[in-house]
Amino acid sequence: MKEAIVRAVWIVLLGALLGLQAAAAEPATVALDDMTWTEVQRALKSGSSTVIIPVGGTEQSGPHMALGKHNSRVKALAGRIASRLGHTLVAPVIAYVPEGGITPPQGHMRFAGTLSVSAEAFGGIIDGAARSLKQHGFKDIVLIGDHGGYQPQLKTIAARLNREWTATPVRVHFIEDYYRVAQTAYVEALRARGLSDSQIGTHAGTADTALLMALDASMVQPARFEEAARDGAAAGTLGDPRKATAALGELGVELIVTRTVDAIRAAQARH
């Protein structure tokens, strides 16, 4: 009896030790930025053959949100999407995107701190990132973008690479639903809670602001909501952020993550 108990204890201890070793062998993050090359290699060998390229942008978002809104938001959402998908990693955020003419300044470039690159430069970055990930062994390369202006270009790049790589097992998936949901289902959810379209807005209003509050409240300055609402477009705000809360933003977060995961799985199933 005593020997059986001792044996059982040893089995439990051995199992715990093996579990700790297995946990130590796995990276504690899905972000390539935070991994060593050996951890990435091990993840690939363990079946993590899907990678997300999150595209953000450095642009003004009114007097109440930091310039890195898109970058912070897409990084956080990509991490949640990857975790829910499983066997998925996240590449570094693409922070330099077309934001309008530089000289003379157009679009968001009229506001200090916005950074803009040409469509050609942007396309080259996306192309190079995708080719690099393919070279390392990733099979499903996912493009998601947090800003509206470059959505058509992401779609074009994905289609071009897929034509080029037809004879290979690698596919590039442009997931339009990631951005579309924020403009449709999320807006409908806010309307259902009594918010008007003028409050919801299209840039730096309640919808935009609440999403960032839910993901990184440190980048939002509620004390400047009144200024943003008062000065409107002159301050880079198209909407009214005064009703924005993290709770409202969580509605959008869940919609975006769920719909994007579904869209990625559907895209993978087609190939």
C-alpha atoms as a PDB file:
ATOM      1  CA  MET A   1       0.000   0.000   0.000  1.00  0.00           C
ATOM      2  CA  LYS A   2       2.808   2.364   0.985  1.00  0.00           C
ATOM      3  CA  GLU A   3       4.709   1.594  -2.231  1.00  0.00           C
ATOM      4  CA  ALA A   4       1.597   2.281  -4.308  1.00  0.00           C
ATOM      5  CA  ILE A   5       1.159   5.668  -2.631  1.00  0.00           C
ATOM      6  CA  VAL A   6       4.817   6.572  -3.204  1.00  0.00           C
ATOM      7  CA  ARG A   7       4.536   5.502  -6.841  1.00  0.00           C
ATOM      8  CA  ALA A   8       1.408   7.595  -7.314  1.00  0.00           C
ATOM      9  CA  VAL A   9       3.105  10.640  -5.788  1.00  0.00           C
ATOM     10  CA  TRP A  10       6.085  10.225  -8.121  1.00  0.00           C
ATOM     11  CA  ILE A  11       3.776   9.956 -11.124  1.00  0.00           C
ATOM     12  CA  VAL A  12       2.006  13.180 -10.133  1.00  0.00           C
ATOM     13  CA  LEU A  13       5.312  14.997  -9.589  1.00  0.00           C
ATOM     14  CA  LEU A  14       6.702  13.743 -12.887  1.00  0.00           C
ATOM     15  CA  GLY A  15       3.577  14.872 -14.718  1.00  0.00           C
ATOM     16  CA  ALA A  16       3.811  18.302 -13.133  1.00  0.00           C
ATOM     17  CA  LEU A  17       7.484  18.573 -14.082  1.00  0.00           C
ATOM     18  CA  LEU A  18       6.789  17.603 -17.676  1.00  0.00           C
ATOM     19  CA  GLY A  19       3.950  20.106 -17.784  1.00  0.00           C
ATOM     20  CA  LEU A  20       6.241  22.864 -16.563  1.00  0.00           C
ATOM     21  CA  GLN A  21       8.842  21.930 -19.147  1.00  0.00           C
ATOM     22  CA  ALA A  22       6.223  22.000 -21.920  1.00  0.00           C
ATOM     23  CA  ALA A  23       4.953  25.371 -20.750  1.00  0.00           C
ATOM     24  CA  ALA A  24       8.498  26.713 -20.674  1.00  0.00           C
ATOM     25  CA  ALA A  25       9.032  25.493 -24.226  1.00  0.00           C
ATOM     26  CA  GLU A  26       6.086  27.533 -25.513  1.00  0.00           C
ATOM     27  CA  PRO A  27       6.362  31.304 -25.965  1.00  0.00           C
ATOM     28  CA  ALA A  28       4.331  33.341 -23.510  1.00  0.00           C
ATOM     29  CA  THR A  29       3.118  35.654 -26.279  1.00  0.00           C
ATOM     30  CA  VAL A  30       1.707  35.571 -29.803  1.00  0.00           C
ATOM     31  CA  ALA A  31       3.660  38.701 -30.781  1.00  0.00           C
ATOM     32  CA  LEU A  32       6.701  38.194 -33.012  1.00  0.00           C
ATOM     33  CA  ASP A  33       8.110  41.398 -31.507  1.00  0.00           C
ATOM     34  CA  ASP A  34       8.430  39.704 -28.128  1.00  0.00           C
ATOM     35  CA  MET A  35       9.776  36.341 -29.305  1.00  0.00           C
ATOM     36  CA  THR A  36      13.262  35.088 -30.086  1.00  0.00           C
ATOM     37  CA  TRP A  37      13.920  33.535 -33.472  1.00  0.00           C
ATOM     38  CA  THR A  38      14.150  30.092 -31.864  1.00  0.00           C
ATOM     39  CA  GLU A  39      10.724  30.554 -30.278  1.00  0.00           C
ATOM     40  CA  VAL A  40       9.259  31.477 -33.656  1.00  0.00           C
ATOM     41  CA  GLN A  41      10.914  28.463 -35.246  1.00  0.00           C
ATOM     42  CA  ARG A  42       9.561  26.190 -32.523  1.00  0.00           C
ATOM     43  CA  ALA A  43       6.074  27.677 -32.883  1.00  0.00           C
ATOM     44  CA  LEU A  44       6.141  26.998 -36.628  1.00  0.00           C
ATOM     45  CA  LYS A  45       7.208  23.404 -36.052  1.00  0.00           C
ATOM     46  CA  SER A  46       4.394  23.052 -33.513  1.00  0.00           C
ATOM     47  CA  GLY A  47       1.755  24.074 -36.059  1.00  0.00           C
ATOM     48  CA  SER A  48       1.522  27.852 -35.716  1.00  0.00           C
ATOM     49  CA  SER A  49       1.444  28.399 -39.465  1.00  0.00           C
ATOM     50  CA  THR A  50      -0.936  31.378 -39.461  1.00  0.00           C
ATOM     51  CA  VAL A  51       0.335  34.919 -38.955  1.00  0.00           C
ATOM     52  CA  ILE A  52      -1.494  38.241 -38.853  1.00  0.00           C
ATOM     53  CA  ILE A  53       0.018  41.417 -40.304  1.00  0.00           C
ATOM     54  CA  PRO A  54      -1.796  44.238 -38.457  1.00  0.00           C
ATOM     55  CA  VAL A  55      -1.834  47.567 -40.275  1.00  0.00           C
ATOM     56  CA  GLY A  56      -2.399  50.754 -38.314  1.00  0.00           C
ATOM     57  CA  GLY A  57      -1.299  54.280 -39.118  1.00  0.00           C
ATOM     58  CA  THR A  58       0.019  57.369 -37.364  1.00  0.00           C
ATOM     59  CA  GLU A  59      -2.607  60.082 -37.678  1.00  0.00           C
ATOM     60  CA  GLN A  60      -4.465  62.738 -35.769  1.00  0.00           C
ATOM     61  CA  SER A  61      -7.643  61.682 -34.003  1.00  0.00           C
ATOM     62  CA  GLY A  62      -8.850  64.910 -32.517  1.00  0.00           C
ATOM     63  CA  PRO A  63      -7.424  66.704 -29.471  1.00  0.00           C
ATOM     64  CA  HIS A  64      -8.442  63.851 -27.173  1.00  0.00           C
ATOM     65  CA  MET A  65      -6.767  60.743 -28.655  1.00  0.00           C
ATOM     66  CA  ALA A  66      -3.111  59.933 -29.208  1.00  0.00           C
ATOM     67  CA  LEU A  67      -1.638  59.753 -32.716  1.00  0.00           C
ATOM     68  CA  GLY A  68      -0.960  56.032 -32.293  1.00  0.00           C
ATOM     69  CA  LYS A  69      -4.643  55.141 -31.942  1.00  0.00           C
ATOM     70  CA  HIS A  70      -4.736  52.837 -34.951  1.00  0.00           C
ATOM     71  CA  ASN A  71      -1.459  51.147 -34.023  1.00  0.00           C
ATOM     72  CA  SER A  72      -2.437  50.443 -30.434  1.00  0.00           C
ATOM     73  CA  ARG A  73      -5.908  49.310 -31.399  1.00  0.00           C
ATOM     74  CA  VAL A  74      -4.952  46.951 -34.210  1.00  0.00           C
ATOM     75  CA  LYS A  75      -2.157  45.418 -32.129  1.00  0.00           C
ATOM     76  CA  ALA A  76      -4.500  44.679 -29.230  1.00  0.00           C
ATOM     77  CA  LEU A  77      -7.261  43.341 -31.470  1.00  0.00           C
ATOM     78  CA  ALA A  78      -4.841  41.221 -33.509  1.00  0.00           C
ATOM     79  CA  GLY A  79      -3.588  39.663 -30.283  1.00  0.00           C
ATOM     80  CA  ARG A  80      -7.115  38.744 -29.212  1.00  0.00           C
ATOM     81  CA  ILE A  81      -7.931  37.400 -32.660  1.00  0.00           C
ATOM     82  CA  ALA A  82      -4.763  35.284 -32.709  1.00  0.00           C
ATOM     83  CA  SER A  83      -5.429  33.881 -29.252  1.00  0.00           C
ATOM     84  CA  ARG A  84      -8.966  32.914 -30.179  1.00  0.00           C
ATOM     85  CA  LEU A  85      -7.872  31.312 -33.454  1.00  0.00           C
ATOM     86  CA  GLY A  86      -5.045  29.342 -31.861  1.00  0.00           C
ATOM     87  CA  HIS A  87      -1.754  28.440 -33.564  1.00  0.00           C
ATOM     88  CA  THR A  88      -1.529  32.026 -34.803  1.00  0.00           C
ATOM     89  CA  LEU A  89       1.168  34.657 -34.342  1.00  0.00           C
ATOM     90  CA  VAL A  90       1.086  38.425 -34.848  1.00  0.00           C
ATOM     91  CA  ALA A  91       3.688  40.349 -36.850  1.00  0.00           C
ATOM     92  CA  PRO A  92       4.762  43.875 -35.827  1.00  0.00           C
ATOM     93  CA  VAL A  93       2.251  46.621 -36.586  1.00  0.00           C
ATOM     94  CA  ILE A  94       2.728  48.551 -39.837  1.00  0.00           C
ATOM     95  CA  ALA A  95       2.619  52.122 -38.523  1.00  0.00           C
ATOM     96  CA  TYR A  96       3.568  54.072 -41.677  1.00  0.00           C
ATOM     97  CA  VAL A  97       0.699  54.321 -44.162  1.00  0.00           C
ATOM     98  CA  PRO A  98      -0.674  56.762 -46.772  1.00  0.00           C
ATOM     99  CA  GLU A  99      -2.386  59.610 -44.915  1.00  0.00           C
ATOM    100  CA  GLY A 100      -2.640  62.252 -47.649  1.00  0.00           C
ATOM    101  CA  GLY A 101      -0.325  64.516 -49.574  1.00  0.00           C
ATOM    102  CA  ILE A 102       2.671  65.855 -47.669  1.00  0.00           C
ATOM    103  CA  THR A 103       3.508  69.063 -49.553  1.00  0.00           C
ATOM    104  CA  PRO A 104       1.114  70.751 -49.648  1.00  0.00           C
ATOM    105  CA  PRO A 105      -0.484  68.850 -46.755  1.00  0.00           C
ATOM    106  CA  GLN A 106      -3.779  67.128 -47.465  1.00  0.00           C
ATOM    107  CA  GLY A 107      -6.193  65.099 -45.359  1.00  0.00           C
ATOM    108  CA  HIS A 108      -4.865  64.186 -41.929  1.00  0.00           C
ATOM    109  CA  MET A 109      -1.478  65.657 -42.850  1.00  0.00           C
ATOM    110  CA  ARG A 110      -2.977  69.067 -42.084  1.00  0.00           C
ATOM    111  CA  PHE A 111      -2.634  68.171 -38.387  1.00  0.00           C
ATOM    112  CA  ALA A 112       0.721  68.080 -36.594  1.00  0.00           C
ATOM    113  CA  GLY A 113       2.244  64.670 -35.943  1.00  0.00           C
ATOM    114  CA  THR A 114       0.494  62.740 -38.706  1.00  0.00           C
ATOM    115  CA  LEU A 115       2.954  60.701 -40.782  1.00  0.00           C
ATOM    116  CA  SER A 116       2.319  59.798 -44.416  1.00  0.00           C
ATOM    117  CA  VAL A 117       4.100  57.641 -46.981  1.00  0.00           C
ATOM    118  CA  SER A 118       3.382  57.064 -50.651  1.00  0.00           C
ATOM    119  CA  ALA A 119       1.159  54.218 -51.795  1.00  0.00           C
ATOM    120  CA  GLU A 120       4.225  52.692 -53.464  1.00  0.00           C
ATOM    121  CA  ALA A 121       6.260  52.755 -50.248  1.00  0.00           C
ATOM    122  CA  PHE A 122       3.351  51.323 -48.271  1.00  0.00           C
ATOM    123  CA  GLY A 123       2.793  48.562 -50.808  1.00  0.00           C
ATOM    124  CA  GLY A 124       6.474  47.679 -50.692  1.00  0.00           C
ATOM    125  CA  ILE A 125       6.382  47.266 -46.920  1.00  0.00           C
ATOM    126  CA  ILE A 126       3.342  44.976 -47.023  1.00  0.00           C
ATOM    127  CA  ASP A 127       4.809  42.976 -49.912  1.00  0.00           C
ATOM    128  CA  GLY A 128       8.156  42.561 -48.168  1.00  0.00           C
ATOM    129  CA  ALA A 129       6.571  41.546 -44.878  1.00  0.00           C
ATOM    130  CA  ALA A 130       4.404  38.912 -46.579  1.00  0.00           C
ATOM    131  CA  ARG A 131       7.342  37.501 -48.548  1.00  0.00           C
ATOM    132  CA  SER A 132       9.475  37.350 -45.409  1.00  0.00           C
ATOM    133  CA  LEU A 133       6.798  35.439 -43.513  1.00  0.00           C
ATOM    134  CA  LYS A 134       6.330  33.045 -46.423  1.00  0.00           C
ATOM    135  CA  GLN A 135      10.069  32.390 -46.494  1.00  0.00           C
ATOM    136  CA  HIS A 136      10.026  31.472 -42.809  1.00  0.00           C
ATOM    137  CA  GLY A 137       7.298  28.884 -43.316  1.00  0.00           C
ATOM    138  CA  PHE A 138       3.979  30.540 -42.566  1.00  0.00           C
ATOM    139  CA  LYS A 139       1.147  29.196 -44.730  1.00  0.00           C
ATOM    140  CA  ASP A 140      -1.727  31.599 -43.980  1.00  0.00           C
ATOM    141  CA  ILE A 141      -0.787  35.280 -43.990  1.00  0.00           C
ATOM    142  CA  VAL A 142      -3.634  37.495 -42.797  1.00  0.00           C
ATOM    143  CA  LEU A 143      -3.919  41.222 -43.533  1.00  0.00           C
ATOM    144  CA  ILE A 144      -6.119  43.380 -41.306  1.00  0.00           C
ATOM    145  CA  GLY A 145      -6.222  47.175 -41.377  1.00  0.00           C
ATOM    146  CA  ASP A 146      -7.593  49.632 -38.815  1.00  0.00           C
ATOM    147  CA  HIS A 147      -7.788  52.624 -41.168  1.00  0.00           C
ATOM    148  CA  GLY A 148     -10.127  52.984 -44.126  1.00  0.00           C
ATOM    149  CA  GLY A 149      -7.915  54.622 -46.725  1.00  0.00           C
ATOM    150  CA  TYR A 150      -5.692  51.681 -47.591  1.00  0.00           C
ATOM    151  CA  GLN A 151      -8.300  48.885 -47.556  1.00  0.00           C
ATOM    152  CA  PRO A 152      -8.455  48.648 -51.388  1.00  0.00           C
ATOM    153  CA  GLN A 153      -4.665  48.487 -51.624  1.00  0.00           C
ATOM    154  CA  LEU A 154      -4.454  45.659 -49.087  1.00  0.00           C
ATOM    155  CA  LYS A 155      -7.026  43.753 -51.128  1.00  0.00           C
ATOM    156  CA  THR A 156      -5.047  44.312 -54.329  1.00  0.00           C
ATOM    157  CA  ILE A 157      -1.771  43.188 -52.748  1.00  0.00           C
ATOM    158  CA  ALA A 158      -3.350  40.010 -51.389  1.00  0.00           C
ATOM    159  CA  ALA A 159      -4.847  39.143 -54.779  1.00  0.00           C
ATOM    160  CA  ARG A 160      -1.542  39.751 -56.574  1.00  0.00           C
ATOM    161  CA  LEU A 161       0.481  37.601 -54.186  1.00  0.00           C
ATOM    162  CA  ASN A 162      -2.088  34.815 -54.347  1.00  0.00           C
ATOM    163  CA  ARG A 163      -1.831  34.772 -58.134  1.00  0.00           C
ATOM    164  CA  GLU A 164       1.950  34.625 -57.884  1.00  0.00           C
ATOM    165  CA  TRP A 165       1.856  31.876 -55.266  1.00  0.00           C
ATOM    166  CA  THR A 166      -0.857  29.730 -56.837  1.00  0.00           C
ATOM    167  CA  ALA A 167       1.452  26.709 -57.080  1.00  0.00           C
ATOM    168  CA  THR A 168       2.429  26.956 -53.400  1.00  0.00           C
ATOM    169  CA  PRO A 169       0.484  26.137 -50.218  1.00  0.00           C
ATOM    170  CA  VAL A 170       0.791  29.752 -49.039  1.00  0.00           C
ATOM    171  CA  ARG A 171      -2.189  32.099 -49.159  1.00  0.00           C
ATOM    172  CA  VAL A 172      -2.667  35.743 -48.246  1.00  0.00           C
ATOM    173  CA  HIS A 173      -6.060  36.561 -46.746  1.00  0.00           C
ATOM    174  CA  PHE A 174      -7.249  40.170 -46.762  1.00  0.00           C
ATOM    175  CA  ILE A 175      -9.951  40.288 -44.095  1.00  0.00           C
ATOM    176  CA  GLU A 176     -12.205  43.195 -44.987  1.00  0.00           C
ATOM    177  CA  ASP A 177     -14.653  42.307 -42.214  1.00  0.00           C
ATOM    178  CA  TYR A 178     -12.179  43.545 -39.588  1.00  0.00           C
ATOM    179  CA  TYR A 179     -12.698  47.139 -40.721  1.00  0.00           C
ATOM    180  CA  ARG A 180     -16.233  46.780 -42.066  1.00  0.00           C
ATOM    181  CA  VAL A 181     -17.682  45.591 -38.748  1.00  0.00           C
ATOM    182  CA  ALA A 182     -16.563  48.790 -37.027  1.00  0.00           C
ATOM    183  CA  GLN A 183     -18.485  50.797 -39.631  1.00  0.00           C
ATOM    184  CA  THR A 184     -21.640  48.648 -39.641  1.00  0.00           C
ATOM    185  CA  ALA A 185     -22.488  46.215 -36.832  1.00  0.00           C
ATOM    186  CA  TYR A 186     -20.738  48.294 -34.180  1.00  0.00           C
ATOM    187  CA  VAL A 187     -22.527  51.440 -35.328  1.00  0.00           C
ATOM    188  CA  GLU A 188     -25.854  49.587 -35.212  1.00  0.00           C
ATOM    189  CA  ALA A 189     -25.096  48.425 -31.665  1.00  0.00           C
ATOM    190  CA  LEU A 190     -24.471  52.018 -30.601  1.00  0.00           C
ATOM    191  CA  ARG A 191     -27.640  53.224 -32.312  1.00  0.00           C
ATOM    192  CA  ALA A 192     -29.555  50.540 -30.427  1.00  0.00           C
ATOM    193  CA  ARG A 193     -28.308  52.132 -27.204  1.00  0.00           C
ATOM    194  CA  GLY A 194     -29.741  55.508 -28.143  1.00  0.00           C
ATOM    195  CA  LEU A 195     -26.750  57.202 -29.716  1.00  0.00           C
ATOM    196  CA  SER A 196     -27.314  59.386 -32.762  1.00  0.00           C
ATOM    197  CA  ASP A 197     -25.193  59.263 -35.902  1.00  0.00           C
ATOM    198  CA  SER A 198     -23.832  62.723 -35.105  1.00  0.00           C
ATOM    199  CA  GLN A 199     -22.600  61.410 -31.759  1.00  0.00           C
ATOM    200  CA  ILE A 200     -21.259  58.135 -33.149  1.00  0.00           C
ATOM    201  CA  GLY A 201     -19.350  59.978 -35.854  1.00  0.00           C
ATOM    202  CA  THR A 202     -16.969  58.741 -38.511  1.00  0.00           C
ATOM    203  CA  HIS A 203     -13.654  59.859 -37.010  1.00  0.00           C
ATOM    204  CA  ALA A 204     -12.819  60.519 -33.353  1.00  0.00           C
ATOM    205  CA  GLY A 205     -16.488  60.467 -32.320  1.00  0.00           C
ATOM    206  CA  THR A 206     -18.069  58.165 -29.751  1.00  0.00           C
ATOM    207  CA  ALA A 207     -17.517  54.943 -31.720  1.00  0.00           C
ATOM    208  CA  ASP A 208     -13.855  55.595 -32.470  1.00  0.00           C
ATOM    209  CA  THR A 209     -13.061  56.896 -28.997  1.00  0.00           C
ATOM    210  CA  ALA A 210     -14.896  54.168 -27.094  1.00  0.00           C
ATOM    211  CA  LEU A 211     -13.022  51.445 -28.976  1.00  0.00           C
ATOM    212  CA  LEU A 212      -9.689  52.889 -27.901  1.00  0.00           C
ATOM    213  CA  MET A 213     -10.898  53.356 -24.321  1.00  0.00           C
ATOM    214  CA  ALA A 214     -11.735  49.657 -24.173  1.00  0.00           C
ATOM    215  CA  LEU A 215      -8.298  48.644 -25.426  1.00  0.00           C
ATOM    216  CA  ASP A 216      -5.912  51.306 -24.096  1.00  0.00           C
ATOM    217  CA  ALA A 217      -7.514  54.026 -22.003  1.00  0.00           C
ATOM    218  CA  SER A 218      -4.123  55.656 -21.407  1.00  0.00           C
ATOM    219  CA  MET A 219      -4.256  57.015 -24.974  1.00  0.00           C
ATOM    220  CA  VAL A 220      -7.520  58.899 -24.395  1.00  0.00           C
ATOM    221  CA  GLN A 221      -7.954  62.267 -22.633  1.00  0.00           C
ATOM    222  CA  PRO A 222     -11.597  62.560 -21.491  1.00  0.00           C
ATOM    223  CA  ALA A 223     -10.913  66.063 -20.173  1.00  0.00           C
ATOM    224  CA  ARG A 224     -10.681  67.201 -23.802  1.00  0.00           C
ATOM    225  CA  PHE A 225     -13.955  65.654 -24.999  1.00  0.00           C
ATOM    226  CA  GLU A 226     -15.712  69.014 -24.708  1.00  0.00           C
ATOM    227  CA  GLU A 227     -13.067  70.683 -26.851  1.00  0.00           C
ATOM    228  CA  ALA A 228     -13.329  67.949 -29.481  1.00  0.00           C
ATOM    229  CA  ALA A 229     -17.123  68.250 -29.644  1.00  0.00           C
ATOM    230  CA  ARG A 230     -17.057  72.045 -29.713  1.00  0.00           C
ATOM    231  CA  ASP A 231     -14.393  72.496 -32.401  1.00  0.00           C
ATOM    232  CA  GLY A 232     -15.443  69.553 -34.567  1.00  0.00           C
ATOM    233  CA  ALA A 233     -13.746  69.178 -37.932  1.00  0.00           C
ATOM    234  CA  ALA A 234     -11.394  72.078 -37.236  1.00  0.00           C
ATOM    235  CA  ALA A 235      -9.929  69.989 -34.417  1.00  0.00           C
ATOM    236  CA  GLY A 236      -9.922  66.775 -36.448  1.00  0.00           C
ATOM    237  CA  THR A 237     -13.145  65.404 -34.978  1.00  0.00           C
ATOM    238  CA  LEU A 238     -16.083  64.139 -37.030  1.00  0.00           C
ATOM    239  CA  GLY A 239     -18.545  63.160 -34.324  1.00  0.00           C
ATOM    240  CA  ASP A 240     -18.996  63.759 -30.601  1.00  0.00           C
ATOM    241  CA  PRO A 241     -16.881  61.714 -28.151  1.00  0.00           C
ATOM    242  CA  ARG A 242     -18.605  62.888 -24.965  1.00  0.00           C
ATOM    243  CA  LYS A 243     -20.692  59.710 -24.586  1.00  0.00           C
ATOM    244  CA  ALA A 244     -17.718  57.393 -25.109  1.00  0.00           C
ATOM    245  CA  THR A 245     -17.041  54.762 -22.440  1.00  0.00           C
ATOM    246  CA  ALA A 246     -14.940  51.628 -22.270  1.00  0.00           C
ATOM    247  CA  ALA A 247     -18.147  49.614 -21.870  1.00  0.00           C
ATOM    248  CA  LEU A 248     -19.468  50.903 -25.197  1.00  0.00           C
ATOM    249  CA  GLY A 249     -16.114  50.146 -26.765  1.00  0.00           C
ATOM    250  CA  GLU A 250     -16.240  46.546 -25.564  1.00  0.00           C
ATOM    251  CA  LEU A 251     -19.302  46.068 -27.781  1.00  0.00           C
ATOM    252  CA  GLY A 252     -17.147  46.871 -30.784  1.00  0.00           C
ATOM    253  CA  VAL A 253     -14.201  44.824 -29.567  1.00  0.00           C
ATOM    254  CA  GLU A 254     -16.269  41.661 -29.274  1.00  0.00           C
ATOM    255  CA  LEU A 255     -17.956  42.207 -32.633  1.00  0.00           C
ATOM    256  CA  ILE A 256     -14.660  42.843 -34.418  1.00  0.00           C
ATOM    257  CA  VAL A 257     -12.858  39.890 -32.848  1.00  0.00           C
ATOM    258  CA  THR A 258     -15.716  37.435 -33.400  1.00  0.00           C
ATOM    259  CA  ARG A 259     -16.443  38.447 -37.005  1.00  0.00           C
ATOM    260  CA  THR A 260     -12.753  38.552 -37.923  1.00  0.00           C
ATOM    261  CA  VAL A 261     -12.069  35.110 -36.466  1.00  0.00           C
ATOM    262  CA  ASP A 262     -15.045  33.732 -38.399  1.00  0.00           C
ATOM    263  CA  ALA A 263     -13.848  35.404 -41.610  1.00  0.00           C
ATOM    264  CA  ILE A 264     -10.311  34.049 -41.234  1.00  0.00           C
ATOM    265  CA  ARG A 265     -11.566  30.521 -40.627  1.00  0.00           C
ATOM    266  CA  ALA A 266     -13.836  30.780 -43.660  1.00  0.00           C
ATOM    267  CA  ALA A 267     -10.945  32.034 -45.806  1.00  0.00           C
ATOM    268  CA  GLN A 268      -8.713  29.197 -44.642  1.00  0.00           C
ATOM    269  CA  ALA A 269     -11.428  26.660 -45.385  1.00  0.00           C
ATOM    270  CA  ARG A 270     -11.656  27.874 -48.986  1.00  0.00           C
ATOM    271  CA  HIS A 271      -8.005  27.052 -49.680  1.00  0.00           C
END
